[in-house]
N, C-alpha and C. Protein backbone atom coordinates (compact mmCIF):
# COMPACT_ATOMS: atom_id res chain seq x y z
N MET A 1 0.84 -1.20 0.00
CA MET A 1 0.00 0.00 0.00
C MET A 1 0.88 1.25 0.00
N ILE A 2 0.36 2.30 -0.64
CA ILE A 2 1.13 3.51 -0.71
C ILE A 2 0.56 4.53 0.26
N GLU A 3 1.31 5.59 0.51
CA GLU A 3 0.93 6.54 1.54
C GLU A 3 0.46 7.87 0.97
N SER A 4 0.28 8.00 -0.37
CA SER A 4 -0.16 9.25 -0.96
C SER A 4 -1.32 8.98 -1.90
N GLY A 5 -1.97 10.07 -2.35
CA GLY A 5 -3.09 9.91 -3.23
C GLY A 5 -4.38 9.72 -2.47
N PRO A 6 -5.51 9.59 -3.19
CA PRO A 6 -6.79 9.39 -2.54
C PRO A 6 -6.80 8.12 -1.68
N THR A 7 -7.63 8.14 -0.66
CA THR A 7 -7.76 6.99 0.23
C THR A 7 -9.05 6.25 -0.08
N VAL A 8 -8.92 4.95 -0.31
CA VAL A 8 -10.08 4.10 -0.55
C VAL A 8 -10.20 3.13 0.61
N GLY A 9 -11.36 3.09 1.23
CA GLY A 9 -11.60 2.16 2.30
C GLY A 9 -12.20 0.87 1.77
N VAL A 10 -11.92 -0.22 2.46
CA VAL A 10 -12.57 -1.50 2.21
C VAL A 10 -13.37 -1.84 3.46
N LEU A 11 -14.67 -1.98 3.31
CA LEU A 11 -15.52 -2.29 4.46
C LEU A 11 -15.08 -3.62 5.05
N ALA A 12 -14.61 -3.58 6.29
CA ALA A 12 -13.93 -4.74 6.89
C ALA A 12 -14.76 -5.37 7.99
N LEU A 13 -16.02 -5.67 7.69
CA LEU A 13 -16.88 -6.34 8.65
C LEU A 13 -16.92 -7.84 8.42
N GLN A 14 -16.84 -8.26 7.15
CA GLN A 14 -16.93 -9.66 6.79
C GLN A 14 -16.60 -9.77 5.31
N GLY A 15 -16.08 -10.92 4.88
CA GLY A 15 -15.81 -11.12 3.46
C GLY A 15 -14.35 -11.01 3.11
N ASP A 16 -14.08 -10.91 1.79
CA ASP A 16 -12.70 -10.99 1.28
C ASP A 16 -12.03 -9.62 1.28
N VAL A 17 -11.84 -9.09 2.48
CA VAL A 17 -11.28 -7.76 2.68
C VAL A 17 -9.83 -7.69 2.22
N ARG A 18 -9.02 -8.66 2.65
CA ARG A 18 -7.59 -8.63 2.36
C ARG A 18 -7.31 -8.62 0.86
N GLU A 19 -8.10 -9.39 0.11
CA GLU A 19 -7.89 -9.47 -1.33
C GLU A 19 -8.17 -8.13 -2.01
N HIS A 20 -9.20 -7.42 -1.56
CA HIS A 20 -9.49 -6.11 -2.13
C HIS A 20 -8.41 -5.09 -1.76
N LEU A 21 -7.94 -5.15 -0.53
CA LEU A 21 -6.86 -4.23 -0.14
C LEU A 21 -5.63 -4.43 -1.02
N ALA A 22 -5.30 -5.69 -1.30
CA ALA A 22 -4.13 -5.98 -2.14
C ALA A 22 -4.35 -5.49 -3.56
N ALA A 23 -5.55 -5.73 -4.10
CA ALA A 23 -5.83 -5.31 -5.48
C ALA A 23 -5.81 -3.79 -5.60
N LEU A 24 -6.36 -3.08 -4.63
CA LEU A 24 -6.33 -1.62 -4.67
C LEU A 24 -4.92 -1.09 -4.52
N GLY A 25 -4.14 -1.73 -3.65
CA GLY A 25 -2.77 -1.30 -3.45
C GLY A 25 -1.92 -1.42 -4.69
N SER A 26 -2.34 -2.28 -5.62
CA SER A 26 -1.60 -2.46 -6.88
C SER A 26 -2.11 -1.56 -7.99
N SER A 27 -3.15 -0.77 -7.71
CA SER A 27 -3.77 0.04 -8.75
C SER A 27 -2.97 1.28 -9.09
N GLY A 28 -2.15 1.76 -8.16
CA GLY A 28 -1.35 2.95 -8.40
C GLY A 28 -2.10 4.22 -8.03
N GLY A 29 -1.47 5.07 -7.22
CA GLY A 29 -2.06 6.34 -6.85
C GLY A 29 -3.18 6.24 -5.84
N ILE A 30 -3.30 5.11 -5.18
CA ILE A 30 -4.38 4.88 -4.22
C ILE A 30 -3.79 4.36 -2.90
N ARG A 31 -4.29 4.89 -1.80
CA ARG A 31 -3.97 4.36 -0.48
C ARG A 31 -5.19 3.57 -0.01
N ALA A 32 -5.02 2.29 0.25
CA ALA A 32 -6.13 1.41 0.63
C ALA A 32 -6.07 1.09 2.11
N VAL A 33 -7.23 1.24 2.81
CA VAL A 33 -7.29 1.01 4.25
C VAL A 33 -8.57 0.27 4.60
N PRO A 34 -8.54 -0.59 5.63
CA PRO A 34 -9.78 -1.20 6.11
C PRO A 34 -10.59 -0.18 6.91
N VAL A 35 -11.91 -0.26 6.83
CA VAL A 35 -12.77 0.64 7.61
C VAL A 35 -13.83 -0.17 8.34
N ARG A 36 -14.05 0.20 9.61
CA ARG A 36 -15.04 -0.48 10.45
C ARG A 36 -15.89 0.50 11.24
N ARG A 37 -15.55 1.78 11.23
CA ARG A 37 -16.23 2.77 12.06
C ARG A 37 -16.77 3.90 11.19
N ALA A 38 -17.80 4.58 11.71
CA ALA A 38 -18.39 5.69 10.98
C ALA A 38 -17.36 6.79 10.73
N SER A 39 -16.50 7.06 11.71
CA SER A 39 -15.48 8.10 11.54
C SER A 39 -14.51 7.76 10.42
N GLU A 40 -14.24 6.46 10.22
CA GLU A 40 -13.35 6.04 9.14
C GLU A 40 -14.05 6.17 7.78
N ILE A 41 -15.33 5.91 7.74
CA ILE A 41 -16.08 6.09 6.49
C ILE A 41 -16.08 7.56 6.09
N GLU A 42 -16.17 8.44 7.07
CA GLU A 42 -16.17 9.87 6.77
C GLU A 42 -14.84 10.34 6.20
N SER A 43 -13.76 9.61 6.47
CA SER A 43 -12.42 10.09 6.10
C SER A 43 -11.92 9.56 4.77
N VAL A 44 -12.65 8.64 4.11
CA VAL A 44 -12.16 8.04 2.87
C VAL A 44 -12.76 8.76 1.66
N ASP A 45 -12.06 8.64 0.53
CA ASP A 45 -12.50 9.24 -0.72
C ASP A 45 -13.36 8.28 -1.55
N GLY A 46 -13.34 7.00 -1.22
CA GLY A 46 -14.13 5.99 -1.90
C GLY A 46 -14.18 4.76 -1.03
N LEU A 47 -15.10 3.85 -1.36
CA LEU A 47 -15.30 2.67 -0.52
C LEU A 47 -15.56 1.45 -1.37
N VAL A 48 -14.93 0.34 -1.00
CA VAL A 48 -15.21 -0.97 -1.60
C VAL A 48 -16.01 -1.79 -0.60
N ILE A 49 -17.10 -2.38 -1.07
CA ILE A 49 -17.88 -3.32 -0.26
C ILE A 49 -17.60 -4.70 -0.83
N PRO A 50 -16.93 -5.54 -0.08
CA PRO A 50 -16.41 -6.79 -0.64
C PRO A 50 -17.47 -7.87 -0.76
N GLY A 51 -17.08 -8.95 -1.44
CA GLY A 51 -17.90 -10.15 -1.44
C GLY A 51 -17.89 -10.79 -0.07
N GLY A 52 -18.91 -11.57 0.19
CA GLY A 52 -19.06 -12.23 1.48
C GLY A 52 -20.48 -12.76 1.57
N GLU A 53 -21.13 -12.55 2.70
CA GLU A 53 -22.51 -12.99 2.89
C GLU A 53 -23.35 -11.75 3.14
N SER A 54 -24.22 -11.42 2.19
CA SER A 54 -24.88 -10.12 2.20
C SER A 54 -25.79 -9.94 3.42
N THR A 55 -26.47 -10.99 3.86
CA THR A 55 -27.36 -10.82 5.01
C THR A 55 -26.56 -10.59 6.30
N THR A 56 -25.41 -11.27 6.42
CA THR A 56 -24.53 -11.04 7.58
C THR A 56 -23.98 -9.63 7.56
N MET A 57 -23.54 -9.18 6.40
CA MET A 57 -23.00 -7.82 6.29
C MET A 57 -24.06 -6.79 6.58
N SER A 58 -25.29 -7.02 6.11
CA SER A 58 -26.38 -6.10 6.38
C SER A 58 -26.63 -5.98 7.89
N ARG A 59 -26.63 -7.12 8.58
CA ARG A 59 -26.85 -7.12 10.03
C ARG A 59 -25.72 -6.38 10.75
N LEU A 60 -24.48 -6.61 10.33
CA LEU A 60 -23.35 -5.96 10.98
C LEU A 60 -23.32 -4.47 10.72
N LEU A 61 -23.79 -4.03 9.56
CA LEU A 61 -23.89 -2.59 9.31
C LEU A 61 -24.80 -1.94 10.34
N GLY A 62 -25.87 -2.64 10.71
CA GLY A 62 -26.74 -2.11 11.76
C GLY A 62 -26.11 -2.15 13.13
N VAL A 63 -25.44 -3.26 13.44
CA VAL A 63 -24.80 -3.42 14.75
C VAL A 63 -23.76 -2.32 14.99
N PHE A 64 -23.00 -1.98 13.94
CA PHE A 64 -21.93 -0.99 14.08
C PHE A 64 -22.39 0.43 13.72
N ASP A 65 -23.69 0.63 13.57
CA ASP A 65 -24.25 1.96 13.27
C ASP A 65 -23.62 2.59 12.04
N LEU A 66 -23.51 1.80 10.99
CA LEU A 66 -22.87 2.28 9.76
C LEU A 66 -23.86 2.53 8.63
N LEU A 67 -25.10 2.09 8.78
CA LEU A 67 -26.06 2.21 7.68
C LEU A 67 -26.28 3.66 7.26
N GLU A 68 -26.64 4.51 8.21
CA GLU A 68 -26.94 5.89 7.84
C GLU A 68 -25.70 6.66 7.39
N PRO A 69 -24.54 6.50 8.05
CA PRO A 69 -23.35 7.17 7.53
C PRO A 69 -23.01 6.75 6.10
N LEU A 70 -23.16 5.46 5.79
CA LEU A 70 -22.88 4.99 4.44
C LEU A 70 -23.89 5.54 3.44
N ARG A 71 -25.15 5.50 3.80
CA ARG A 71 -26.18 6.04 2.90
C ARG A 71 -25.95 7.52 2.63
N ALA A 72 -25.56 8.25 3.66
CA ALA A 72 -25.32 9.68 3.49
C ALA A 72 -24.14 9.95 2.57
N ARG A 73 -23.05 9.20 2.74
CA ARG A 73 -21.89 9.39 1.88
C ARG A 73 -22.20 9.04 0.43
N LEU A 74 -22.96 7.95 0.22
CA LEU A 74 -23.34 7.58 -1.14
C LEU A 74 -24.24 8.63 -1.76
N ALA A 75 -25.20 9.14 -1.00
CA ALA A 75 -26.08 10.19 -1.51
C ALA A 75 -25.31 11.45 -1.84
N GLY A 76 -24.18 11.67 -1.14
CA GLY A 76 -23.35 12.83 -1.39
C GLY A 76 -22.36 12.65 -2.53
N GLY A 77 -22.37 11.49 -3.18
CA GLY A 77 -21.53 11.29 -4.35
C GLY A 77 -20.25 10.54 -4.12
N MET A 78 -20.06 9.94 -2.94
CA MET A 78 -18.84 9.17 -2.71
C MET A 78 -18.76 7.99 -3.68
N PRO A 79 -17.63 7.80 -4.37
CA PRO A 79 -17.47 6.62 -5.21
C PRO A 79 -17.50 5.34 -4.38
N ALA A 80 -18.14 4.32 -4.92
CA ALA A 80 -18.21 3.03 -4.24
C ALA A 80 -18.15 1.92 -5.28
N TYR A 81 -17.57 0.81 -4.86
CA TYR A 81 -17.52 -0.39 -5.70
C TYR A 81 -17.93 -1.59 -4.85
N GLY A 82 -18.87 -2.37 -5.34
CA GLY A 82 -19.29 -3.58 -4.65
C GLY A 82 -19.13 -4.80 -5.52
N SER A 83 -18.52 -5.85 -4.96
CA SER A 83 -18.40 -7.12 -5.68
C SER A 83 -19.28 -8.16 -4.99
N CYS A 84 -20.10 -8.85 -5.78
CA CYS A 84 -20.96 -9.93 -5.31
C CYS A 84 -21.88 -9.45 -4.18
N ALA A 85 -21.60 -9.78 -2.94
CA ALA A 85 -22.44 -9.29 -1.83
C ALA A 85 -22.47 -7.77 -1.81
N GLY A 86 -21.38 -7.14 -2.21
CA GLY A 86 -21.36 -5.68 -2.28
C GLY A 86 -22.35 -5.13 -3.29
N MET A 87 -22.50 -5.83 -4.42
CA MET A 87 -23.51 -5.43 -5.40
C MET A 87 -24.91 -5.52 -4.78
N ILE A 88 -25.16 -6.60 -4.03
CA ILE A 88 -26.47 -6.77 -3.40
C ILE A 88 -26.76 -5.63 -2.44
N LEU A 89 -25.79 -5.26 -1.61
CA LEU A 89 -26.00 -4.21 -0.62
C LEU A 89 -26.18 -2.84 -1.27
N LEU A 90 -25.51 -2.60 -2.40
CA LEU A 90 -25.62 -1.31 -3.07
C LEU A 90 -26.92 -1.16 -3.84
N ALA A 91 -27.60 -2.25 -4.12
CA ALA A 91 -28.82 -2.20 -4.92
C ALA A 91 -29.95 -1.51 -4.16
N SER A 92 -30.88 -0.94 -4.92
CA SER A 92 -32.05 -0.34 -4.30
C SER A 92 -33.06 -1.38 -3.84
N GLU A 93 -33.01 -2.57 -4.48
CA GLU A 93 -33.94 -3.64 -4.12
C GLU A 93 -33.29 -4.98 -4.35
N VAL A 94 -33.55 -5.96 -3.47
CA VAL A 94 -33.01 -7.31 -3.62
C VAL A 94 -34.15 -8.31 -3.58
N LEU A 95 -34.07 -9.30 -4.47
CA LEU A 95 -35.02 -10.40 -4.49
C LEU A 95 -34.39 -11.61 -3.83
N ASP A 96 -35.18 -12.39 -3.13
CA ASP A 96 -34.72 -13.59 -2.43
C ASP A 96 -33.79 -13.27 -1.27
N GLY A 97 -33.88 -12.08 -0.73
CA GLY A 97 -33.12 -11.73 0.46
C GLY A 97 -33.96 -11.97 1.71
N ARG A 98 -33.41 -11.67 2.87
CA ARG A 98 -34.17 -11.77 4.12
C ARG A 98 -35.10 -10.56 4.24
N PRO A 99 -36.26 -10.73 4.91
CA PRO A 99 -37.19 -9.61 5.06
C PRO A 99 -36.57 -8.41 5.78
N ASP A 100 -35.61 -8.66 6.69
CA ASP A 100 -35.01 -7.57 7.44
C ASP A 100 -33.70 -7.06 6.83
N GLN A 101 -33.40 -7.50 5.62
CA GLN A 101 -32.14 -7.10 4.98
C GLN A 101 -32.19 -5.62 4.61
N GLN A 102 -31.12 -4.91 4.91
CA GLN A 102 -31.03 -3.47 4.67
C GLN A 102 -30.26 -3.20 3.37
N GLN A 103 -30.73 -2.21 2.62
CA GLN A 103 -30.07 -1.82 1.37
C GLN A 103 -29.47 -0.42 1.51
N LEU A 104 -28.37 -0.21 0.80
CA LEU A 104 -27.71 1.09 0.83
C LEU A 104 -28.23 2.03 -0.24
N GLY A 105 -28.79 1.47 -1.32
CA GLY A 105 -29.45 2.30 -2.31
C GLY A 105 -28.54 3.14 -3.18
N GLY A 106 -27.30 2.70 -3.39
CA GLY A 106 -26.40 3.46 -4.24
C GLY A 106 -26.61 3.22 -5.72
N LEU A 107 -27.34 2.15 -6.08
CA LEU A 107 -27.58 1.80 -7.47
C LEU A 107 -29.08 1.59 -7.69
N ASP A 108 -29.59 2.16 -8.78
CA ASP A 108 -31.00 1.99 -9.13
C ASP A 108 -31.16 0.67 -9.89
N VAL A 109 -30.96 -0.43 -9.16
CA VAL A 109 -31.08 -1.76 -9.75
C VAL A 109 -31.84 -2.68 -8.80
N VAL A 110 -32.46 -3.69 -9.40
CA VAL A 110 -33.04 -4.80 -8.65
C VAL A 110 -32.15 -6.00 -8.90
N VAL A 111 -31.62 -6.61 -7.84
CA VAL A 111 -30.75 -7.77 -8.00
C VAL A 111 -31.40 -8.99 -7.37
N ARG A 112 -31.06 -10.14 -7.92
CA ARG A 112 -31.53 -11.40 -7.35
C ARG A 112 -30.37 -12.07 -6.63
N ARG A 113 -30.54 -12.28 -5.35
CA ARG A 113 -29.52 -12.91 -4.52
C ARG A 113 -29.38 -14.40 -4.88
N ASN A 114 -28.13 -14.89 -4.89
CA ASN A 114 -27.85 -16.30 -5.20
C ASN A 114 -28.49 -16.74 -6.53
N ALA A 115 -28.50 -15.83 -7.50
CA ALA A 115 -29.20 -16.10 -8.75
C ALA A 115 -28.61 -17.28 -9.53
N PHE A 116 -27.30 -17.47 -9.40
CA PHE A 116 -26.63 -18.53 -10.15
C PHE A 116 -26.65 -19.88 -9.44
N GLY A 117 -27.23 -19.92 -8.25
CA GLY A 117 -27.33 -21.19 -7.54
C GLY A 117 -26.47 -21.22 -6.28
N ARG A 118 -26.28 -22.43 -5.78
CA ARG A 118 -25.56 -22.64 -4.53
C ARG A 118 -24.05 -22.65 -4.75
N GLN A 119 -23.31 -22.88 -3.66
CA GLN A 119 -21.85 -22.88 -3.72
C GLN A 119 -21.32 -23.86 -4.77
N VAL A 120 -21.98 -25.02 -4.90
CA VAL A 120 -21.50 -26.03 -5.85
C VAL A 120 -21.70 -25.59 -7.29
N ASP A 121 -22.51 -24.55 -7.51
CA ASP A 121 -22.74 -24.04 -8.86
C ASP A 121 -21.79 -22.92 -9.24
N SER A 122 -20.81 -22.65 -8.39
CA SER A 122 -19.82 -21.61 -8.70
C SER A 122 -19.08 -21.97 -9.98
N PHE A 123 -18.69 -20.93 -10.73
CA PHE A 123 -18.03 -21.17 -12.01
C PHE A 123 -17.20 -19.96 -12.40
N GLU A 124 -16.40 -20.11 -13.45
CA GLU A 124 -15.60 -19.03 -14.02
C GLU A 124 -15.88 -18.93 -15.51
N THR A 125 -15.78 -17.72 -16.03
CA THR A 125 -15.90 -17.51 -17.47
C THR A 125 -15.19 -16.21 -17.82
N ASP A 126 -15.04 -15.95 -19.11
CA ASP A 126 -14.42 -14.72 -19.59
C ASP A 126 -15.51 -13.75 -20.03
N LEU A 127 -15.38 -12.49 -19.59
CA LEU A 127 -16.37 -11.47 -19.90
C LEU A 127 -15.72 -10.25 -20.52
N ASP A 128 -16.36 -9.68 -21.52
CA ASP A 128 -15.98 -8.36 -22.01
C ASP A 128 -16.66 -7.33 -21.12
N VAL A 129 -15.84 -6.46 -20.52
CA VAL A 129 -16.35 -5.46 -19.59
C VAL A 129 -16.09 -4.07 -20.17
N ALA A 130 -17.13 -3.31 -20.43
CA ALA A 130 -16.97 -1.96 -20.96
C ALA A 130 -16.15 -1.11 -20.00
N GLY A 131 -15.21 -0.37 -20.56
CA GLY A 131 -14.34 0.47 -19.74
C GLY A 131 -13.07 -0.21 -19.29
N VAL A 132 -12.95 -1.52 -19.54
CA VAL A 132 -11.76 -2.28 -19.18
C VAL A 132 -11.07 -2.71 -20.46
N ASP A 133 -9.89 -2.16 -20.71
CA ASP A 133 -9.13 -2.48 -21.91
C ASP A 133 -8.28 -3.72 -21.70
N GLY A 134 -7.78 -4.27 -22.81
CA GLY A 134 -6.83 -5.37 -22.72
C GLY A 134 -7.42 -6.75 -22.84
N GLY A 135 -8.65 -6.85 -23.36
CA GLY A 135 -9.24 -8.16 -23.55
C GLY A 135 -10.19 -8.55 -22.44
N PRO A 136 -10.76 -9.75 -22.54
CA PRO A 136 -11.77 -10.19 -21.57
C PRO A 136 -11.22 -10.27 -20.15
N VAL A 137 -12.12 -10.14 -19.21
CA VAL A 137 -11.83 -10.27 -17.78
C VAL A 137 -12.25 -11.67 -17.34
N ARG A 138 -11.37 -12.35 -16.61
CA ARG A 138 -11.73 -13.64 -16.04
C ARG A 138 -12.63 -13.39 -14.84
N ALA A 139 -13.85 -13.90 -14.91
CA ALA A 139 -14.85 -13.60 -13.89
C ALA A 139 -15.15 -14.86 -13.07
N VAL A 140 -15.02 -14.74 -11.76
CA VAL A 140 -15.29 -15.82 -10.83
C VAL A 140 -16.63 -15.55 -10.15
N PHE A 141 -17.60 -16.46 -10.34
CA PHE A 141 -18.93 -16.33 -9.77
C PHE A 141 -19.09 -17.33 -8.64
N ILE A 142 -19.36 -16.84 -7.42
CA ILE A 142 -19.54 -17.68 -6.25
C ILE A 142 -20.85 -17.29 -5.56
N ARG A 143 -21.87 -18.14 -5.69
CA ARG A 143 -23.19 -17.82 -5.14
C ARG A 143 -23.58 -16.39 -5.51
N ALA A 144 -23.41 -16.08 -6.78
CA ALA A 144 -23.47 -14.69 -7.23
C ALA A 144 -24.89 -14.21 -7.51
N PRO A 145 -25.09 -12.89 -7.42
CA PRO A 145 -26.35 -12.30 -7.86
C PRO A 145 -26.29 -11.99 -9.35
N TRP A 146 -27.42 -11.61 -9.91
CA TRP A 146 -27.42 -10.93 -11.20
C TRP A 146 -28.43 -9.80 -11.12
N VAL A 147 -28.37 -8.91 -12.11
CA VAL A 147 -29.26 -7.75 -12.13
C VAL A 147 -30.53 -8.13 -12.89
N GLU A 148 -31.66 -8.07 -12.21
CA GLU A 148 -32.95 -8.35 -12.83
C GLU A 148 -33.48 -7.14 -13.59
N LYS A 149 -33.23 -5.95 -13.06
CA LYS A 149 -33.76 -4.73 -13.67
C LYS A 149 -32.82 -3.58 -13.34
N ALA A 150 -32.56 -2.74 -14.34
CA ALA A 150 -31.68 -1.59 -14.15
C ALA A 150 -32.41 -0.32 -14.55
N GLY A 151 -32.24 0.73 -13.76
CA GLY A 151 -32.86 2.02 -14.06
C GLY A 151 -32.24 2.69 -15.27
N ALA A 152 -32.88 3.76 -15.71
CA ALA A 152 -32.45 4.44 -16.93
C ALA A 152 -31.06 5.03 -16.82
N ASP A 153 -30.62 5.37 -15.63
CA ASP A 153 -29.31 6.00 -15.45
C ASP A 153 -28.19 4.99 -15.19
N VAL A 154 -28.52 3.71 -15.24
CA VAL A 154 -27.54 2.66 -14.97
C VAL A 154 -26.95 2.16 -16.29
N GLU A 155 -25.64 2.14 -16.37
CA GLU A 155 -24.94 1.61 -17.54
C GLU A 155 -24.57 0.16 -17.29
N VAL A 156 -24.99 -0.72 -18.17
CA VAL A 156 -24.61 -2.13 -18.07
C VAL A 156 -23.24 -2.30 -18.72
N LEU A 157 -22.27 -2.77 -17.94
CA LEU A 157 -20.90 -2.92 -18.43
C LEU A 157 -20.60 -4.33 -18.94
N ALA A 158 -21.31 -5.33 -18.44
CA ALA A 158 -21.05 -6.71 -18.86
C ALA A 158 -22.29 -7.56 -18.64
N THR A 159 -22.49 -8.49 -19.56
CA THR A 159 -23.57 -9.47 -19.44
C THR A 159 -23.00 -10.87 -19.62
N VAL A 160 -23.73 -11.85 -19.15
CA VAL A 160 -23.32 -13.24 -19.31
C VAL A 160 -23.45 -13.63 -20.78
N PRO A 161 -22.39 -14.16 -21.39
CA PRO A 161 -22.48 -14.54 -22.81
C PRO A 161 -23.38 -15.75 -23.01
N ALA A 162 -23.86 -15.90 -24.25
CA ALA A 162 -24.74 -17.02 -24.58
C ALA A 162 -24.01 -18.35 -24.47
N VAL A 163 -22.70 -18.32 -24.72
CA VAL A 163 -21.87 -19.51 -24.57
C VAL A 163 -20.66 -19.14 -23.74
N GLY A 164 -20.40 -19.88 -22.67
CA GLY A 164 -19.27 -19.58 -21.79
C GLY A 164 -17.94 -19.85 -22.44
N SER A 165 -16.86 -19.40 -21.80
CA SER A 165 -15.53 -19.53 -22.37
C SER A 165 -15.06 -20.97 -22.47
N GLU A 166 -15.69 -21.88 -21.72
CA GLU A 166 -15.37 -23.30 -21.83
C GLU A 166 -16.41 -24.05 -22.67
N GLY A 167 -17.27 -23.29 -23.37
CA GLY A 167 -18.28 -23.89 -24.21
C GLY A 167 -19.55 -24.29 -23.50
N GLN A 168 -19.66 -23.95 -22.20
CA GLN A 168 -20.84 -24.35 -21.45
C GLN A 168 -22.02 -23.44 -21.77
N ASP A 169 -23.23 -23.98 -21.65
CA ASP A 169 -24.46 -23.24 -21.86
C ASP A 169 -24.88 -22.61 -20.54
N PRO A 170 -24.95 -21.27 -20.45
CA PRO A 170 -25.31 -20.65 -19.17
C PRO A 170 -26.79 -20.69 -18.86
N GLY A 171 -27.60 -21.19 -19.78
CA GLY A 171 -29.02 -21.33 -19.51
C GLY A 171 -29.70 -20.00 -19.24
N ALA A 172 -30.46 -19.93 -18.15
CA ALA A 172 -31.23 -18.73 -17.83
C ALA A 172 -30.34 -17.53 -17.53
N ALA A 173 -29.06 -17.77 -17.27
CA ALA A 173 -28.15 -16.66 -16.96
C ALA A 173 -27.75 -15.87 -18.21
N ALA A 174 -27.91 -16.45 -19.40
CA ALA A 174 -27.47 -15.79 -20.63
C ALA A 174 -28.12 -14.42 -20.77
N GLY A 175 -27.30 -13.41 -21.00
CA GLY A 175 -27.78 -12.06 -21.20
C GLY A 175 -28.02 -11.27 -19.93
N ARG A 176 -27.87 -11.91 -18.77
CA ARG A 176 -28.08 -11.18 -17.52
C ARG A 176 -26.93 -10.21 -17.27
N ALA A 177 -27.27 -9.04 -16.75
CA ALA A 177 -26.26 -8.04 -16.42
C ALA A 177 -25.52 -8.44 -15.16
N VAL A 178 -24.17 -8.41 -15.23
CA VAL A 178 -23.36 -8.81 -14.08
C VAL A 178 -22.29 -7.76 -13.73
N ALA A 179 -22.28 -6.65 -14.44
CA ALA A 179 -21.44 -5.51 -14.07
C ALA A 179 -22.16 -4.24 -14.50
N VAL A 180 -22.29 -3.30 -13.58
CA VAL A 180 -23.05 -2.08 -13.84
C VAL A 180 -22.34 -0.89 -13.22
N ARG A 181 -22.71 0.29 -13.75
CA ARG A 181 -22.18 1.54 -13.19
C ARG A 181 -23.27 2.59 -13.25
N GLN A 182 -23.39 3.35 -12.18
CA GLN A 182 -24.27 4.50 -12.14
C GLN A 182 -23.51 5.66 -11.52
N GLY A 183 -23.08 6.58 -12.33
CA GLY A 183 -22.28 7.69 -11.84
C GLY A 183 -20.98 7.21 -11.23
N ASN A 184 -20.79 7.48 -9.94
CA ASN A 184 -19.57 7.10 -9.24
C ASN A 184 -19.64 5.72 -8.61
N VAL A 185 -20.72 4.99 -8.83
CA VAL A 185 -20.91 3.69 -8.17
C VAL A 185 -20.79 2.57 -9.20
N LEU A 186 -19.94 1.61 -8.88
CA LEU A 186 -19.62 0.48 -9.75
C LEU A 186 -19.94 -0.80 -8.99
N ALA A 187 -20.41 -1.82 -9.70
CA ALA A 187 -20.68 -3.09 -9.03
C ALA A 187 -20.50 -4.24 -10.02
N THR A 188 -19.99 -5.36 -9.50
CA THR A 188 -19.87 -6.59 -10.29
C THR A 188 -20.44 -7.75 -9.49
N ALA A 189 -21.08 -8.68 -10.20
CA ALA A 189 -21.57 -9.89 -9.55
C ALA A 189 -20.45 -10.88 -9.29
N PHE A 190 -19.32 -10.67 -9.94
CA PHE A 190 -18.18 -11.58 -9.84
C PHE A 190 -17.08 -10.97 -8.97
N HIS A 191 -16.00 -11.73 -8.79
CA HIS A 191 -14.94 -11.40 -7.84
C HIS A 191 -13.60 -11.16 -8.55
N PRO A 192 -13.35 -9.96 -9.07
CA PRO A 192 -12.04 -9.73 -9.71
C PRO A 192 -10.88 -9.74 -8.72
N GLU A 193 -11.17 -9.57 -7.45
CA GLU A 193 -10.09 -9.58 -6.44
C GLU A 193 -9.48 -10.95 -6.26
N LEU A 194 -10.10 -12.00 -6.80
CA LEU A 194 -9.61 -13.37 -6.61
C LEU A 194 -8.75 -13.87 -7.77
N THR A 195 -8.60 -13.07 -8.82
CA THR A 195 -7.94 -13.57 -10.03
C THR A 195 -6.55 -13.01 -10.26
N GLY A 196 -6.18 -11.97 -9.54
CA GLY A 196 -4.90 -11.32 -9.80
C GLY A 196 -4.95 -10.32 -10.93
N ASP A 197 -6.11 -10.15 -11.57
CA ASP A 197 -6.31 -9.16 -12.63
C ASP A 197 -6.85 -7.90 -11.99
N GLY A 198 -6.04 -6.85 -11.97
CA GLY A 198 -6.40 -5.64 -11.26
C GLY A 198 -7.13 -4.60 -12.08
N ARG A 199 -7.61 -4.96 -13.28
CA ARG A 199 -8.16 -3.94 -14.17
C ARG A 199 -9.50 -3.37 -13.68
N VAL A 200 -10.33 -4.17 -13.07
CA VAL A 200 -11.59 -3.62 -12.54
C VAL A 200 -11.30 -2.67 -11.38
N HIS A 201 -10.36 -3.03 -10.53
CA HIS A 201 -9.98 -2.14 -9.44
C HIS A 201 -9.33 -0.86 -9.98
N ALA A 202 -8.56 -0.99 -11.07
CA ALA A 202 -7.97 0.20 -11.69
C ALA A 202 -9.06 1.12 -12.25
N LEU A 203 -10.12 0.52 -12.81
CA LEU A 203 -11.25 1.32 -13.28
C LEU A 203 -11.87 2.09 -12.12
N PHE A 204 -12.08 1.42 -10.99
CA PHE A 204 -12.64 2.10 -9.83
C PHE A 204 -11.68 3.15 -9.29
N ALA A 205 -10.40 2.83 -9.25
CA ALA A 205 -9.41 3.81 -8.77
C ALA A 205 -9.46 5.07 -9.63
N GLY A 206 -9.68 4.91 -10.94
CA GLY A 206 -9.79 6.07 -11.82
C GLY A 206 -11.01 6.92 -11.48
N ILE A 207 -12.12 6.28 -11.13
CA ILE A 207 -13.32 7.01 -10.71
C ILE A 207 -13.02 7.82 -9.45
N VAL A 208 -12.35 7.18 -8.48
CA VAL A 208 -12.02 7.87 -7.23
C VAL A 208 -11.10 9.05 -7.49
N ARG A 209 -10.07 8.86 -8.30
CA ARG A 209 -9.13 9.96 -8.58
C ARG A 209 -9.84 11.12 -9.27
N ALA A 210 -10.77 10.82 -10.18
CA ALA A 210 -11.48 11.88 -10.89
C ALA A 210 -12.33 12.71 -9.94
N VAL A 211 -12.93 12.07 -8.94
CA VAL A 211 -13.76 12.78 -7.98
C VAL A 211 -12.92 13.51 -6.95
N ALA A 212 -11.86 12.85 -6.49
CA ALA A 212 -11.00 13.45 -5.45
C ALA A 212 -10.22 14.64 -5.98
């Protein structure tokens, strides 16, 4: 991690925090730090909400009194990036979630939780992601959501191809949106932090630098 440039926090309540910190630290011009308190959220220029278990993270946001501070920062234009569970939390509405699950509302999307199935249905494929140069992104899907509906201001950056990179038929997943952006908020249903490919994090780092 570097000590200059904008500071990006990684919400460190649950999930793959360390992997996101490492990916951000390799993006260049970004200082990456874990955040667990409202005062730390106030001090960062952008925030990553990692993959993990969305209902657990939702509950912990309430336990640590982070829901309203996060909602306020997002409403104020703070850049944010959510992967997998992070996409679910950033959505305005979630299907197949718990009745008491809390949403941050940073994206005008409806997402379906665990849309691709259970843990045993996890898979990898190559995706073309708008805004990411250098060829397809290797996408790792683990109990992933997909976007059921996106608002008019939401840009779809990637969809599931009709035929996967290993020739598999994605079935009902074909054509589903799995990477979106609305203003300063970015989300992916997959986990780029697990592949060693830092291009999605570099895209987010560019958003943070532009705002900061």
